[in-house]
Amino acid sequence: MRFWHRGFEGTSIDDLVKATGISRHGIYTEAGGKKALYLRCFDHYQATVVSPALRAVEVDGAGLTEIAGYFEHQIAVAEKDGLPGPGCFVANASTETAPHDGDVHDKVHQHNARLKLAFAKALKNTNTKALDDAALARIADGLVIFATGLWSMSRLTPSADPLRAAVNETLQMIEARLR
């Protein structure tokens, strides 16, 4: 949670000691150091935050309804936890550390590739205008970029209303393109 809320640079070893109960020495010997612990947080975030929301989009037959459900699930969690919130751990990392750290860049890329694949498959299931796979991939890329921006905005807005409105407008535009 410390990395999610404060970022890599904003989280000190002392913060990690307080949050984990592991000694300074243990941070290095048991966890492999600050960066290794940070990288492990990506897997934990995938398992506890991303997968529960994205699972319905990744199933065969998913469509725009499931994409809308993904966004609503994440917005509802943020709303419950209190807005403005910490945003998305991966989106935060994409601007803070990924530009200058190859390991973090790879983790962000893996996350975005997972989202893109799920979105593209769901878009294909909704596509009645027979757009080709390249067009669907571009729309899926746009949704990944949109998601990153949406979660960044969740760090600033005290209300979920503008987030939901943005999702609604975006998905309506996509639906018009697909049907």
Protein backbone atom coordinates (compact mmCIF):
# COMPACT_ATOMS: atom_id res chain seq x y z
CA MET A 1 0.00 0.00 0.00
CA ARG A 2 2.85 2.41 0.71
CA PHE A 3 4.17 2.14 -2.83
CA TRP A 4 0.66 2.46 -4.23
CA HIS A 5 -0.11 5.61 -2.27
CA ARG A 6 3.32 7.26 -2.22
CA GLY A 7 5.15 5.80 -5.22
CA PHE A 8 8.59 4.24 -5.28
CA GLU A 9 10.54 7.43 -4.66
CA GLY A 10 8.11 8.66 -2.00
CA THR A 11 8.43 5.46 0.02
CA SER A 12 11.46 5.18 2.27
CA ILE A 13 12.98 2.07 3.77
CA ASP A 14 11.71 3.33 7.15
CA ASP A 15 8.18 3.49 5.70
CA LEU A 16 8.53 -0.12 4.56
CA VAL A 17 9.83 -1.20 7.97
CA LYS A 18 6.79 0.41 9.62
CA ALA A 19 4.33 -1.00 7.09
CA THR A 20 5.68 -4.55 6.99
CA GLY A 21 7.17 -5.06 10.42
CA ILE A 22 10.31 -6.38 8.72
CA SER A 23 13.58 -4.88 9.92
CA ARG A 24 15.76 -2.74 7.65
CA HIS A 25 18.11 -5.68 7.37
CA GLY A 26 15.18 -7.96 6.57
CA ILE A 27 13.98 -5.66 3.78
CA TYR A 28 17.23 -6.51 2.03
CA THR A 29 17.75 -10.13 3.09
CA GLU A 30 14.14 -11.39 3.13
CA ALA A 31 12.56 -9.19 0.47
CA GLY A 32 15.60 -8.57 -1.73
CA GLY A 33 15.60 -4.82 -1.19
CA LYS A 34 13.27 -1.95 -1.89
CA LYS A 35 13.12 -2.45 -5.66
CA ALA A 36 12.54 -6.20 -5.42
CA LEU A 37 9.71 -5.58 -2.97
CA TYR A 38 8.27 -2.94 -5.32
CA LEU A 39 8.36 -5.36 -8.25
CA ARG A 40 6.60 -8.02 -6.16
CA CYS A 41 3.84 -5.50 -5.50
CA PHE A 42 2.90 -5.66 -9.21
CA ASP A 43 2.00 -9.35 -8.90
CA HIS A 44 0.06 -8.73 -5.70
CA TYR A 45 -1.79 -5.84 -7.34
CA GLN A 46 -2.67 -8.03 -10.34
CA ALA A 47 -4.03 -10.76 -8.07
CA THR A 48 -5.98 -8.58 -5.65
CA VAL A 49 -7.10 -5.56 -7.69
CA VAL A 50 -6.87 -6.18 -11.43
CA SER A 51 -7.96 -9.82 -11.72
CA PRO A 52 -11.21 -9.48 -9.75
CA ALA A 53 -12.25 -6.59 -11.99
CA LEU A 54 -10.96 -7.92 -15.32
CA ARG A 55 -11.98 -11.58 -14.93
CA ALA A 56 -15.41 -11.06 -16.51
CA VAL A 57 -13.85 -9.30 -19.52
CA GLU A 58 -11.42 -12.18 -20.05
CA VAL A 59 -14.08 -14.89 -20.37
CA ASP A 60 -15.24 -16.15 -23.76
CA GLY A 61 -18.22 -14.22 -25.01
CA ALA A 62 -17.53 -11.04 -23.04
CA GLY A 63 -18.54 -7.77 -24.67
CA LEU A 64 -19.04 -4.10 -23.95
CA THR A 65 -21.23 -4.91 -20.95
CA GLU A 66 -18.30 -6.67 -19.30
CA ILE A 67 -15.93 -3.84 -20.20
CA ALA A 68 -18.39 -1.43 -18.56
CA GLY A 69 -18.49 -3.79 -15.57
CA TYR A 70 -14.69 -3.70 -15.29
CA PHE A 71 -14.71 0.08 -15.05
CA GLU A 72 -17.68 0.13 -12.68
CA HIS A 73 -16.05 -2.43 -10.40
CA GLN A 74 -12.90 -0.33 -10.11
CA ILE A 75 -14.80 2.93 -9.67
CA ALA A 76 -17.01 1.39 -6.97
CA VAL A 77 -13.95 0.15 -5.08
CA ALA A 78 -12.35 3.60 -5.30
CA GLU A 79 -15.59 5.22 -4.19
CA LYS A 80 -15.89 2.84 -1.22
CA ASP A 81 -12.28 3.46 -0.19
CA GLY A 82 -12.75 7.23 -0.58
CA LEU A 83 -12.08 9.62 -3.41
CA PRO A 84 -9.77 11.14 -4.22
CA GLY A 85 -7.85 7.90 -3.90
CA PRO A 86 -4.48 6.41 -4.78
CA GLY A 87 -5.40 5.78 -8.44
CA CYS A 88 -4.00 2.69 -10.12
CA PHE A 89 -0.71 1.30 -8.84
CA VAL A 90 0.36 0.43 -12.40
CA ALA A 91 -0.72 3.76 -13.88
CA ASN A 92 1.20 5.54 -11.12
CA ALA A 93 4.28 3.42 -11.84
CA SER A 94 3.98 4.12 -15.57
CA THR A 95 4.62 7.80 -14.98
CA GLU A 96 6.95 7.67 -11.98
CA THR A 97 9.39 4.81 -12.48
CA ALA A 98 8.74 3.00 -15.78
CA PRO A 99 10.27 5.71 -17.99
CA HIS A 100 13.71 5.16 -16.44
CA ASP A 101 13.56 1.59 -15.08
CA GLY A 102 13.41 -1.32 -17.50
CA ASP A 103 12.07 -3.81 -14.95
CA VAL A 104 9.18 -1.55 -14.02
CA HIS A 105 8.60 -0.74 -17.69
CA ASP A 106 8.25 -4.48 -18.37
CA LYS A 107 5.71 -4.89 -15.53
CA VAL A 108 3.66 -1.94 -16.82
CA HIS A 109 3.85 -3.33 -20.36
CA GLN A 110 2.63 -6.77 -19.19
CA HIS A 111 -0.31 -5.16 -17.40
CA ASN A 112 -1.25 -3.03 -20.40
CA ALA A 113 -0.91 -6.02 -22.76
CA ARG A 114 -3.28 -8.00 -20.54
CA LEU A 115 -5.85 -5.20 -20.59
CA LYS A 116 -5.49 -4.75 -24.35
CA LEU A 117 -5.97 -8.46 -25.05
CA ALA A 118 -9.06 -8.66 -22.86
CA PHE A 119 -10.55 -5.47 -24.33
CA ALA A 120 -9.79 -6.54 -27.93
CA LYS A 121 -11.50 -9.93 -27.47
CA ALA A 122 -14.56 -8.30 -25.91
CA LEU A 123 -14.69 -5.69 -28.66
CA LYS A 124 -14.50 -8.42 -31.30
CA ASN A 125 -17.53 -10.09 -29.71
CA THR A 126 -19.46 -6.81 -29.98
CA ASN A 127 -18.28 -5.94 -33.49
CA THR A 128 -21.25 -6.16 -35.88
CA LYS A 129 -19.70 -3.81 -38.46
CA ALA A 130 -16.94 -6.32 -39.21
CA LEU A 131 -14.08 -4.00 -38.31
CA ASP A 132 -10.79 -5.76 -38.90
CA ASP A 133 -8.52 -6.95 -36.10
CA ALA A 134 -6.16 -3.97 -36.58
CA ALA A 135 -9.03 -1.51 -36.03
CA LEU A 136 -10.18 -3.43 -32.95
CA ALA A 137 -6.60 -3.42 -31.61
CA ARG A 138 -6.46 0.37 -32.04
CA ILE A 139 -9.73 0.75 -30.13
CA ALA A 140 -8.41 -1.58 -27.41
CA ASP A 141 -5.22 0.50 -27.22
CA GLY A 142 -7.40 3.57 -26.80
CA LEU A 143 -9.27 1.89 -23.95
CA VAL A 144 -5.99 1.07 -22.19
CA ILE A 145 -4.91 4.70 -22.53
CA PHE A 146 -8.35 5.84 -21.38
CA ALA A 147 -8.15 3.53 -18.33
CA THR A 148 -4.75 4.93 -17.36
CA GLY A 149 -6.09 8.47 -17.57
CA LEU A 150 -9.27 7.58 -15.72
CA TRP A 151 -7.37 6.09 -12.80
CA SER A 152 -5.07 9.10 -12.76
CA MET A 153 -8.13 11.36 -12.50
CA SER A 154 -9.41 9.25 -9.60
CA ARG A 155 -6.49 10.68 -7.64
CA LEU A 156 -7.95 14.16 -8.04
CA THR A 157 -11.72 13.96 -8.02
CA PRO A 158 -13.74 13.81 -4.80
CA SER A 159 -16.68 12.22 -6.66
CA ALA A 160 -17.12 9.13 -8.80
CA ASP A 161 -19.69 10.93 -10.96
CA PRO A 162 -17.24 12.38 -13.52
CA LEU A 163 -15.46 9.01 -13.74
CA ARG A 164 -18.70 7.19 -14.48
CA ALA A 165 -19.74 9.87 -16.97
CA ALA A 166 -16.42 9.53 -18.81
CA VAL A 167 -16.78 5.74 -18.99
CA ASN A 168 -20.35 6.06 -20.25
CA GLU A 169 -19.41 8.57 -22.97
CA THR A 170 -16.37 6.58 -24.05
CA LEU A 171 -18.23 3.29 -24.28
CA GLN A 172 -21.11 4.93 -26.16
CA MET A 173 -18.65 6.22 -28.76
CA ILE A 174 -17.06 2.79 -29.05
CA GLU A 175 -20.44 1.10 -29.33
CA ALA A 176 -21.41 3.47 -32.16
CA ARG A 177 -18.23 2.48 -33.97
CA LEU A 178 -18.85 -1.25 -33.51
CA ARG A 179 -22.60 -1.49 -34.23
